[in-house]
């Protein structure tokens, strides 16, 4: 049953990537509570967290305005599930920290307010070479735990469809930080 589920998940991801690639993906932008969405994802991943005995913390935004974020809830759920699950998957001991905050348009390169979500882990890290190509379709890392090479590519497509940005900083054997910025 597990193999069938994995195959179905991979097929669904491939179809989603294709929909974005050919410009046929229609997003449903509705107001929703981004804070609650991230908490929901973490709760869903609790069995994996418990199995690995990791400390996972969520620092939610103090601004109540985050509760009225407008975006495609289902697609953003896919992004945060992928990023948080990857952080857990590649962290054998230590912690995963998820931070949600509002960035006011104080920076000149950001024309409006942004929501920033950081997923930090103390895992195995990502080599500089892999960081360059990790968002490309079918790019698989060199680690035995690497997946199909579609998850991070799809995450980038979803974030770009929201006019957002996704970035990674990582040091081998020290951890990784994925940062997602979405216009508010």
N, C-alpha and C. Protein backbone atom coordinates (compact mmCIF):
# COMPACT_ATOMS: atom_id res chain seq x y z
N UNK A 1 0.84 -1.20 0.00
CA UNK A 1 0.00 0.00 0.00
C UNK A 1 0.88 1.25 0.00
N UNK A 2 1.98 1.20 0.74
CA UNK A 2 2.87 2.36 0.79
C UNK A 2 3.46 2.69 -0.56
N UNK A 3 3.84 1.68 -1.33
CA UNK A 3 4.39 1.89 -2.67
C UNK A 3 3.36 2.52 -3.60
N UNK A 4 2.13 2.06 -3.49
CA UNK A 4 1.06 2.64 -4.32
C UNK A 4 0.82 4.10 -3.98
N UNK A 5 0.85 4.43 -2.69
CA UNK A 5 0.65 5.81 -2.28
C UNK A 5 1.80 6.68 -2.78
N UNK A 6 3.03 6.18 -2.66
CA UNK A 6 4.18 6.94 -3.15
C UNK A 6 4.09 7.18 -4.65
N UNK A 7 3.68 6.17 -5.39
CA UNK A 7 3.54 6.30 -6.84
C UNK A 7 2.44 7.30 -7.19
N UNK A 8 1.33 7.24 -6.48
CA UNK A 8 0.23 8.18 -6.70
C UNK A 8 0.66 9.60 -6.37
N UNK A 9 1.37 9.78 -5.26
CA UNK A 9 1.87 11.11 -4.89
C UNK A 9 2.81 11.66 -5.96
N UNK A 10 3.70 10.81 -6.47
CA UNK A 10 4.64 11.25 -7.50
C UNK A 10 3.90 11.62 -8.78
N UNK A 11 2.90 10.84 -9.15
CA UNK A 11 2.12 11.13 -10.35
C UNK A 11 1.37 12.45 -10.19
N UNK A 12 0.76 12.66 -9.04
CA UNK A 12 0.05 13.92 -8.79
C UNK A 12 1.00 15.11 -8.84
N UNK A 13 2.19 14.95 -8.30
CA UNK A 13 3.18 16.02 -8.34
C UNK A 13 3.61 16.30 -9.78
N UNK A 14 3.83 15.25 -10.55
CA UNK A 14 4.21 15.40 -11.95
C UNK A 14 3.12 16.13 -12.74
N UNK A 15 1.86 15.78 -12.49
CA UNK A 15 0.74 16.45 -13.17
C UNK A 15 0.65 17.92 -12.76
N UNK A 16 0.90 18.21 -11.50
CA UNK A 16 0.87 19.60 -11.04
C UNK A 16 2.00 20.41 -11.68
N UNK A 17 3.20 19.83 -11.74
CA UNK A 17 4.33 20.49 -12.39
C UNK A 17 3.99 20.78 -13.85
N UNK A 18 3.43 19.80 -14.54
CA UNK A 18 3.06 19.98 -15.94
C UNK A 18 2.03 21.09 -16.10
N UNK A 19 1.03 21.14 -15.20
CA UNK A 19 0.01 22.19 -15.28
C UNK A 19 0.63 23.58 -15.17
N UNK A 20 1.59 23.73 -14.29
CA UNK A 20 2.28 25.02 -14.18
C UNK A 20 3.14 25.29 -15.42
N UNK A 21 3.85 24.26 -15.89
CA UNK A 21 4.74 24.43 -17.04
C UNK A 21 3.99 24.90 -18.29
N UNK A 22 2.80 24.37 -18.53
CA UNK A 22 2.06 24.73 -19.74
C UNK A 22 1.10 25.90 -19.50
N UNK A 23 1.15 26.48 -18.30
CA UNK A 23 0.31 27.64 -18.01
C UNK A 23 -1.16 27.33 -17.84
N UNK A 24 -1.48 26.10 -17.49
CA UNK A 24 -2.87 25.69 -17.35
C UNK A 24 -3.34 25.62 -15.90
N UNK A 25 -2.49 26.01 -14.97
CA UNK A 25 -2.87 25.93 -13.55
C UNK A 25 -3.64 27.19 -13.17
N UNK A 26 -4.83 27.00 -12.64
CA UNK A 26 -5.65 28.11 -12.17
C UNK A 26 -5.62 28.11 -10.65
N UNK A 27 -5.22 29.22 -10.07
CA UNK A 27 -5.17 29.32 -8.62
C UNK A 27 -6.44 29.97 -8.08
N UNK A 28 -6.82 29.58 -6.88
CA UNK A 28 -7.99 30.15 -6.21
C UNK A 28 -7.50 31.03 -5.07
N UNK A 29 -7.46 32.32 -5.31
CA UNK A 29 -6.99 33.27 -4.30
C UNK A 29 -8.15 33.64 -3.39
N UNK A 30 -8.04 33.19 -2.14
CA UNK A 30 -9.06 33.48 -1.14
C UNK A 30 -8.37 33.87 0.17
N UNK A 31 -9.03 34.64 1.02
CA UNK A 31 -8.43 34.95 2.32
C UNK A 31 -8.44 33.73 3.23
N UNK A 32 -7.35 33.51 3.92
CA UNK A 32 -7.29 32.41 4.89
C UNK A 32 -6.23 32.73 5.94
N UNK A 33 -6.23 31.93 6.98
CA UNK A 33 -5.31 32.11 8.11
C UNK A 33 -4.04 31.31 7.84
N UNK A 34 -2.98 31.99 7.42
CA UNK A 34 -1.71 31.32 7.10
C UNK A 34 -1.10 30.69 8.35
N UNK A 35 -1.24 31.36 9.47
CA UNK A 35 -0.76 30.85 10.75
C UNK A 35 -1.38 29.47 11.03
N UNK A 36 -2.71 29.38 10.90
CA UNK A 36 -3.41 28.12 11.15
C UNK A 36 -3.00 27.04 10.15
N UNK A 37 -2.76 27.44 8.90
CA UNK A 37 -2.34 26.48 7.88
C UNK A 37 -1.02 25.83 8.26
N UNK A 38 -0.06 26.63 8.69
CA UNK A 38 1.25 26.08 9.06
C UNK A 38 1.14 25.19 10.30
N UNK A 39 0.33 25.60 11.26
CA UNK A 39 0.11 24.75 12.44
C UNK A 39 -0.52 23.41 12.03
N UNK A 40 -1.44 23.45 11.08
CA UNK A 40 -2.09 22.24 10.56
C UNK A 40 -1.06 21.30 9.93
N UNK A 41 -0.15 21.86 9.14
CA UNK A 41 0.88 21.05 8.49
C UNK A 41 1.77 20.38 9.54
N UNK A 42 2.19 21.15 10.54
CA UNK A 42 3.05 20.60 11.59
C UNK A 42 2.33 19.48 12.34
N UNK A 43 1.05 19.69 12.64
CA UNK A 43 0.26 18.66 13.33
C UNK A 43 0.18 17.39 12.48
N UNK A 44 -0.03 17.55 11.19
CA UNK A 44 -0.10 16.40 10.29
C UNK A 44 1.22 15.63 10.26
N UNK A 45 2.33 16.32 10.45
CA UNK A 45 3.65 15.68 10.41
C UNK A 45 4.11 15.17 11.78
N UNK A 46 3.26 15.27 12.79
CA UNK A 46 3.61 14.87 14.15
C UNK A 46 4.12 13.42 14.24
N UNK A 47 3.53 12.44 13.55
CA UNK A 47 4.08 11.08 13.65
C UNK A 47 5.54 10.98 13.20
N UNK A 48 5.89 11.69 12.14
CA UNK A 48 7.27 11.68 11.65
C UNK A 48 8.19 12.40 12.64
N UNK A 49 7.70 13.49 13.22
CA UNK A 49 8.47 14.24 14.21
C UNK A 49 8.74 13.36 15.44
N UNK A 50 7.71 12.66 15.90
CA UNK A 50 7.83 11.80 17.07
C UNK A 50 8.78 10.63 16.79
N UNK A 51 8.68 10.06 15.59
CA UNK A 51 9.53 8.93 15.22
C UNK A 51 11.01 9.32 15.25
N UNK A 52 11.31 10.54 14.82
CA UNK A 52 12.70 10.99 14.78
C UNK A 52 13.12 11.70 16.07
N UNK A 53 12.17 11.90 16.98
CA UNK A 53 12.42 12.54 18.27
C UNK A 53 13.06 13.92 18.10
N UNK A 54 12.49 14.70 17.21
CA UNK A 54 12.99 16.05 16.96
C UNK A 54 12.17 17.08 17.72
N UNK A 55 12.79 18.20 17.98
CA UNK A 55 12.09 19.34 18.55
C UNK A 55 11.66 20.21 17.37
N UNK A 56 10.35 20.39 17.22
CA UNK A 56 9.83 21.26 16.16
C UNK A 56 9.09 22.40 16.83
N UNK A 57 9.51 23.63 16.52
CA UNK A 57 8.86 24.80 17.10
C UNK A 57 8.28 25.67 15.99
N UNK A 58 7.18 26.32 16.31
CA UNK A 58 6.54 27.25 15.37
C UNK A 58 6.38 28.59 16.08
N UNK A 59 7.00 29.61 15.52
CA UNK A 59 6.88 30.97 16.03
C UNK A 59 5.96 31.72 15.09
N UNK A 60 4.71 31.89 15.53
CA UNK A 60 3.73 32.51 14.65
C UNK A 60 3.88 34.03 14.66
N UNK A 61 3.30 34.63 13.67
CA UNK A 61 3.36 36.09 13.54
C UNK A 61 2.55 36.74 14.65
N UNK A 62 3.04 37.85 15.14
CA UNK A 62 2.30 38.56 16.19
C UNK A 62 1.24 39.47 15.58
N UNK A 63 1.38 39.78 14.29
CA UNK A 63 0.42 40.67 13.63
C UNK A 63 -0.83 39.88 13.23
N UNK A 64 -2.01 40.30 13.70
CA UNK A 64 -3.23 39.58 13.37
C UNK A 64 -3.57 39.64 11.88
N UNK A 65 -2.95 40.57 11.15
CA UNK A 65 -3.22 40.72 9.72
C UNK A 65 -2.86 39.45 8.94
N UNK A 66 -1.94 38.64 9.46
CA UNK A 66 -1.52 37.40 8.79
C UNK A 66 -2.69 36.43 8.69
N UNK A 67 -3.66 36.57 9.56
CA UNK A 67 -4.82 35.69 9.55
C UNK A 67 -5.71 35.95 8.34
N UNK A 68 -5.46 37.05 7.63
CA UNK A 68 -6.27 37.40 6.45
C UNK A 68 -5.43 37.37 5.19
N UNK A 69 -4.47 36.47 5.13
CA UNK A 69 -3.62 36.35 3.95
C UNK A 69 -4.46 35.89 2.77
N UNK A 70 -4.18 36.40 1.57
CA UNK A 70 -4.92 36.01 0.37
C UNK A 70 -3.99 35.22 -0.55
N UNK A 71 -4.38 33.99 -0.84
CA UNK A 71 -3.59 33.12 -1.71
C UNK A 71 -4.35 31.83 -1.94
N UNK A 72 -3.73 30.92 -2.65
CA UNK A 72 -4.33 29.61 -2.88
C UNK A 72 -3.92 28.70 -1.72
N UNK A 73 -4.85 28.47 -0.82
CA UNK A 73 -4.57 27.73 0.41
C UNK A 73 -4.05 26.32 0.12
N UNK A 74 -4.68 25.63 -0.81
CA UNK A 74 -4.30 24.25 -1.11
C UNK A 74 -2.88 24.17 -1.67
N UNK A 75 -2.53 25.09 -2.59
CA UNK A 75 -1.21 25.07 -3.18
C UNK A 75 -0.13 25.48 -2.16
N UNK A 76 -0.44 26.46 -1.32
CA UNK A 76 0.54 26.86 -0.31
C UNK A 76 0.69 25.78 0.76
N UNK A 77 -0.37 25.05 1.02
CA UNK A 77 -0.27 23.91 1.95
C UNK A 77 0.71 22.88 1.38
N UNK A 78 0.64 22.67 0.08
CA UNK A 78 1.57 21.75 -0.59
C UNK A 78 3.01 22.22 -0.40
N UNK A 79 3.25 23.52 -0.55
CA UNK A 79 4.59 24.08 -0.39
C UNK A 79 5.11 23.85 1.03
N UNK A 80 4.32 24.25 2.02
CA UNK A 80 4.81 24.16 3.40
C UNK A 80 4.89 22.72 3.89
N UNK A 81 4.03 21.86 3.40
CA UNK A 81 4.15 20.43 3.73
C UNK A 81 5.47 19.89 3.19
N UNK A 82 5.79 20.24 1.95
CA UNK A 82 7.03 19.76 1.33
C UNK A 82 8.25 20.29 2.08
N UNK A 83 8.29 21.58 2.35
CA UNK A 83 9.47 22.18 2.98
C UNK A 83 9.67 21.70 4.41
N UNK A 84 8.59 21.62 5.18
CA UNK A 84 8.72 21.18 6.57
C UNK A 84 9.03 19.69 6.63
N UNK A 85 8.38 18.89 5.79
CA UNK A 85 8.67 17.45 5.75
C UNK A 85 10.11 17.20 5.34
N UNK A 86 10.63 17.97 4.38
CA UNK A 86 12.03 17.82 3.99
C UNK A 86 12.96 18.18 5.14
N UNK A 87 12.63 19.23 5.87
CA UNK A 87 13.47 19.62 7.01
C UNK A 87 13.52 18.49 8.04
N UNK A 88 12.39 17.86 8.28
CA UNK A 88 12.33 16.74 9.22
C UNK A 88 13.10 15.54 8.64
N UNK A 89 12.88 15.25 7.38
CA UNK A 89 13.49 14.10 6.72
C UNK A 89 15.02 14.15 6.76
N UNK A 90 15.59 15.35 6.59
CA UNK A 90 17.04 15.49 6.50
C UNK A 90 17.68 15.94 7.82
N UNK A 91 16.90 15.87 8.92
CA UNK A 91 17.43 16.18 10.24
C UNK A 91 17.34 14.93 11.10
N UNK A 92 18.50 14.41 11.47
CA UNK A 92 18.52 13.19 12.28
C UNK A 92 18.45 13.47 13.77
N UNK A 93 18.98 14.60 14.16
CA UNK A 93 18.88 15.01 15.57
C UNK A 93 18.92 16.53 15.61
N UNK A 94 18.32 17.07 16.66
CA UNK A 94 18.30 18.52 16.76
C UNK A 94 16.90 19.06 16.62
N UNK A 95 16.76 20.04 15.74
CA UNK A 95 15.47 20.73 15.70
C UNK A 95 15.12 21.27 14.32
N UNK A 96 13.84 21.57 14.20
CA UNK A 96 13.29 22.27 13.05
C UNK A 96 12.50 23.44 13.63
N UNK A 97 12.74 24.61 13.07
CA UNK A 97 12.07 25.82 13.55
C UNK A 97 11.37 26.48 12.37
N UNK A 98 10.09 26.81 12.56
CA UNK A 98 9.32 27.50 11.53
C UNK A 98 8.94 28.86 12.08
N UNK A 99 9.30 29.91 11.34
CA UNK A 99 9.03 31.29 11.77
C UNK A 99 8.16 31.98 10.73
N UNK A 100 7.09 32.59 11.20
CA UNK A 100 6.17 33.34 10.34
C UNK A 100 6.19 34.79 10.79
N UNK A 101 6.44 35.70 9.86
CA UNK A 101 6.48 37.12 10.24
C UNK A 101 6.01 37.99 9.08
N UNK A 102 5.71 39.22 9.42
CA UNK A 102 5.31 40.22 8.44
C UNK A 102 6.48 41.17 8.26
N UNK A 103 6.85 41.42 7.00
CA UNK A 103 7.92 42.38 6.70
C UNK A 103 7.28 43.63 6.13
N UNK A 104 7.43 44.73 6.83
CA UNK A 104 6.91 46.01 6.33
C UNK A 104 7.80 46.47 5.19
N UNK A 105 7.27 47.29 4.30
CA UNK A 105 8.01 47.67 3.10
C UNK A 105 9.13 48.67 3.35
N UNK A 106 9.90 48.45 4.39
CA UNK A 106 11.02 49.33 4.71
C UNK A 106 12.17 49.17 3.71
N UNK A 107 12.27 47.97 3.12
CA UNK A 107 13.35 47.72 2.17
C UNK A 107 12.93 48.24 0.80
N UNK A 108 13.85 48.91 0.11
CA UNK A 108 13.51 49.50 -1.18
C UNK A 108 13.21 48.46 -2.25
N UNK A 109 13.80 47.26 -2.15
CA UNK A 109 13.58 46.26 -3.18
C UNK A 109 12.22 45.57 -3.03
N UNK A 110 11.55 45.78 -1.92
CA UNK A 110 10.23 45.19 -1.72
C UNK A 110 9.18 46.31 -1.81
N UNK A 111 8.37 46.32 -2.88
CA UNK A 111 7.44 47.42 -3.08
C UNK A 111 6.21 47.40 -2.17
N UNK A 112 6.00 46.33 -1.43
CA UNK A 112 4.82 46.22 -0.57
C UNK A 112 5.17 45.42 0.67
N UNK A 113 4.20 45.21 1.53
CA UNK A 113 4.42 44.37 2.69
C UNK A 113 4.48 42.91 2.24
N UNK A 114 5.29 42.11 2.96
CA UNK A 114 5.48 40.71 2.61
C UNK A 114 5.29 39.84 3.83
N UNK A 115 4.84 38.65 3.58
CA UNK A 115 4.80 37.60 4.60
C UNK A 115 6.08 36.78 4.40
N UNK A 116 6.78 36.52 5.49
CA UNK A 116 8.01 35.73 5.40
C UNK A 116 7.86 34.48 6.25
N UNK A 117 8.14 33.34 5.65
CA UNK A 117 8.13 32.06 6.36
C UNK A 117 9.53 31.47 6.22
N UNK A 118 10.15 31.20 7.36
CA UNK A 118 11.47 30.56 7.38
C UNK A 118 11.34 29.18 7.98
N UNK A 119 11.94 28.21 7.32
CA UNK A 119 12.01 26.85 7.85
C UNK A 119 13.49 26.55 8.05
N UNK A 120 13.91 26.48 9.33
CA UNK A 120 15.31 26.25 9.69
C UNK A 120 15.45 24.86 10.28
N UNK A 121 16.51 24.16 9.88
CA UNK A 121 16.76 22.86 10.50
C UNK A 121 18.23 22.73 10.87
N UNK A 122 18.52 21.74 11.69
CA UNK A 122 19.90 21.45 12.09
C UNK A 122 20.36 20.16 11.43
N UNK A 123 19.88 19.95 10.21
CA UNK A 123 20.12 18.70 9.51
C UNK A 123 21.44 18.62 8.78
N UNK A 124 21.47 17.75 7.77
CA UNK A 124 22.71 17.41 7.07
C UNK A 124 23.19 18.51 6.14
N UNK A 125 22.33 19.47 5.83
CA UNK A 125 22.74 20.56 4.94
C UNK A 125 22.73 20.15 3.48
N UNK A 126 22.96 21.15 2.64
CA UNK A 126 22.94 20.95 1.18
C UNK A 126 24.23 21.52 0.63
N UNK A 127 24.89 20.76 -0.23
CA UNK A 127 26.15 21.22 -0.81
C UNK A 127 25.93 22.48 -1.65
N UNK A 128 26.95 23.34 -1.77
CA UNK A 128 26.82 24.52 -2.62
C UNK A 128 26.44 24.18 -4.06
N UNK A 129 26.96 23.07 -4.58
CA UNK A 129 26.64 22.66 -5.95
C UNK A 129 25.15 22.33 -6.09
N UNK A 130 24.61 21.61 -5.12
CA UNK A 130 23.19 21.25 -5.17
C UNK A 130 22.29 22.47 -4.96
N UNK A 131 22.74 23.43 -4.18
CA UNK A 131 21.93 24.63 -3.95
C UNK A 131 21.67 25.38 -5.25
N UNK A 132 22.62 25.33 -6.17
CA UNK A 132 22.50 26.06 -7.43
C UNK A 132 21.37 25.49 -8.31
N UNK A 133 21.18 24.18 -8.26
CA UNK A 133 20.24 23.53 -9.18
C UNK A 133 19.04 22.87 -8.49
N UNK A 134 18.91 23.04 -7.20
CA UNK A 134 17.91 22.27 -6.47
C UNK A 134 16.46 22.58 -6.82
N UNK A 135 16.19 23.75 -7.41
CA UNK A 135 14.82 24.09 -7.77
C UNK A 135 14.48 23.69 -9.21
N UNK A 136 15.42 23.07 -9.92
CA UNK A 136 15.17 22.62 -11.29
C UNK A 136 14.41 21.30 -11.26
N UNK A 137 13.59 21.10 -12.30
CA UNK A 137 12.81 19.86 -12.39
C UNK A 137 13.74 18.65 -12.50
N UNK A 138 13.39 17.61 -11.80
CA UNK A 138 14.09 16.32 -11.79
C UNK A 138 15.51 16.39 -11.24
N UNK A 139 15.83 17.49 -10.55
CA UNK A 139 17.15 17.54 -9.90
C UNK A 139 17.05 16.76 -8.60
N UNK A 140 17.84 15.75 -8.48
CA UNK A 140 17.88 14.96 -7.25
C UNK A 140 19.21 15.21 -6.57
N UNK A 141 19.15 15.42 -5.28
CA UNK A 141 20.38 15.57 -4.52
C UNK A 141 21.17 14.27 -4.53
N UNK A 142 22.39 14.33 -4.05
CA UNK A 142 23.26 13.15 -4.03
C UNK A 142 23.03 12.26 -2.81
N UNK A 143 22.13 12.69 -1.93
CA UNK A 143 21.91 11.93 -0.71
C UNK A 143 20.94 10.78 -0.96
N UNK A 144 21.11 9.69 -0.24
CA UNK A 144 20.25 8.51 -0.43
C UNK A 144 18.79 8.79 -0.08
N UNK A 145 18.53 9.84 0.69
CA UNK A 145 17.16 10.18 1.05
C UNK A 145 16.48 11.09 0.03
N UNK A 146 17.21 11.50 -1.00
CA UNK A 146 16.65 12.43 -1.98
C UNK A 146 15.46 11.80 -2.69
N UNK A 147 14.52 12.66 -3.06
CA UNK A 147 13.28 12.17 -3.68
C UNK A 147 13.34 12.21 -5.20
N UNK A 148 12.20 12.51 -5.80
CA UNK A 148 12.05 12.44 -7.26
C UNK A 148 12.64 13.64 -7.98
N UNK A 149 12.93 14.70 -7.26
CA UNK A 149 13.45 15.90 -7.91
C UNK A 149 12.35 16.81 -8.41
N UNK A 150 11.12 16.60 -7.93
CA UNK A 150 10.00 17.44 -8.37
C UNK A 150 9.47 18.35 -7.27
N UNK A 151 9.63 17.97 -6.02
CA UNK A 151 9.02 18.71 -4.92
C UNK A 151 9.45 20.16 -4.83
N UNK A 152 10.75 20.41 -4.82
CA UNK A 152 11.23 21.79 -4.69
C UNK A 152 10.96 22.59 -5.96
N UNK A 153 10.99 21.92 -7.11
CA UNK A 153 10.65 22.60 -8.36
C UNK A 153 9.19 23.07 -8.32
N UNK A 154 8.30 22.20 -7.86
CA UNK A 154 6.89 22.56 -7.74
C UNK A 154 6.71 23.68 -6.72
N UNK A 155 7.43 23.61 -5.61
CA UNK A 155 7.35 24.69 -4.61
C UNK A 155 7.69 26.03 -5.24
N UNK A 156 8.76 26.06 -6.03
CA UNK A 156 9.16 27.31 -6.68
C UNK A 156 8.07 27.79 -7.64
N UNK A 157 7.48 26.87 -8.40
CA UNK A 157 6.42 27.25 -9.33
C UNK A 157 5.22 27.86 -8.59
N UNK A 158 4.84 27.25 -7.48
CA UNK A 158 3.69 27.75 -6.71
C UNK A 158 4.00 29.12 -6.13
N UNK A 159 5.18 29.28 -5.56
CA UNK A 159 5.56 30.57 -4.97
C UNK A 159 5.63 31.65 -6.06
N UNK A 160 6.20 31.32 -7.21
CA UNK A 160 6.25 32.29 -8.31
C UNK A 160 4.86 32.66 -8.81
N UNK A 161 3.93 31.70 -8.82
CA UNK A 161 2.56 31.97 -9.24
C UNK A 161 1.87 32.93 -8.26
N UNK A 162 2.37 33.00 -7.03
CA UNK A 162 1.87 33.94 -6.02
C UNK A 162 2.68 35.25 -6.04
N UNK A 163 3.56 35.44 -7.04
CA UNK A 163 4.48 36.57 -7.15
C UNK A 163 5.41 36.66 -5.95
N UNK A 164 5.78 35.51 -5.42
CA UNK A 164 6.67 35.46 -4.27
C UNK A 164 8.06 35.00 -4.64
N UNK A 165 8.87 34.78 -3.61
CA UNK A 165 10.25 34.34 -3.79
C UNK A 165 10.53 33.21 -2.82
N UNK A 166 11.37 32.27 -3.25
CA UNK A 166 11.83 31.20 -2.38
C UNK A 166 13.35 31.14 -2.49
N UNK A 167 14.01 31.00 -1.36
CA UNK A 167 15.48 30.97 -1.35
C UNK A 167 15.95 29.94 -0.34
N UNK A 168 17.21 29.54 -0.48
CA UNK A 168 17.80 28.57 0.43
C UNK A 168 19.19 29.04 0.83
N UNK A 169 19.54 28.81 2.08
CA UNK A 169 20.90 28.98 2.59
C UNK A 169 21.21 27.72 3.37
N UNK A 170 22.39 27.17 3.14
CA UNK A 170 22.71 25.92 3.81
C UNK A 170 24.21 25.76 3.98
N UNK A 171 24.57 25.06 5.05
CA UNK A 171 25.96 24.69 5.31
C UNK A 171 25.96 23.20 5.61
N UNK A 172 26.80 22.46 4.89
CA UNK A 172 26.86 21.02 5.12
C UNK A 172 27.11 20.69 6.59
N UNK A 173 26.39 19.71 7.07
CA UNK A 173 26.48 19.21 8.45
C UNK A 173 26.11 20.25 9.51
N UNK A 174 25.49 21.36 9.09
CA UNK A 174 25.05 22.37 10.07
C UNK A 174 23.57 22.70 9.94
N UNK A 175 23.02 22.55 8.75
CA UNK A 175 21.60 22.82 8.60
C UNK A 175 21.27 23.67 7.40
N UNK A 176 19.97 23.89 7.25
CA UNK A 176 19.44 24.59 6.09
C UNK A 176 18.34 25.55 6.52
N UNK A 177 18.24 26.66 5.80
CA UNK A 177 17.15 27.61 6.00
C UNK A 177 16.48 27.85 4.65
N UNK A 178 15.22 27.49 4.53
CA UNK A 178 14.41 27.86 3.37
C UNK A 178 13.61 29.09 3.77
N UNK A 179 13.61 30.09 2.90
CA UNK A 179 12.85 31.31 3.14
C UNK A 179 11.87 31.51 2.02
N UNK A 180 10.61 31.67 2.38
CA UNK A 180 9.55 31.94 1.43
C UNK A 180 9.00 33.33 1.75
N UNK A 181 8.98 34.20 0.75
CA UNK A 181 8.40 35.54 0.90
C UNK A 181 7.23 35.67 -0.06
N UNK A 182 6.09 36.05 0.48
CA UNK A 182 4.88 36.20 -0.31
C UNK A 182 4.34 37.62 -0.16
N UNK A 183 3.94 38.26 -1.26
CA UNK A 183 3.42 39.62 -1.15
C UNK A 183 2.12 39.63 -0.39
N UNK A 184 1.95 40.64 0.43
CA UNK A 184 0.73 40.75 1.23
C UNK A 184 -0.07 41.93 0.76
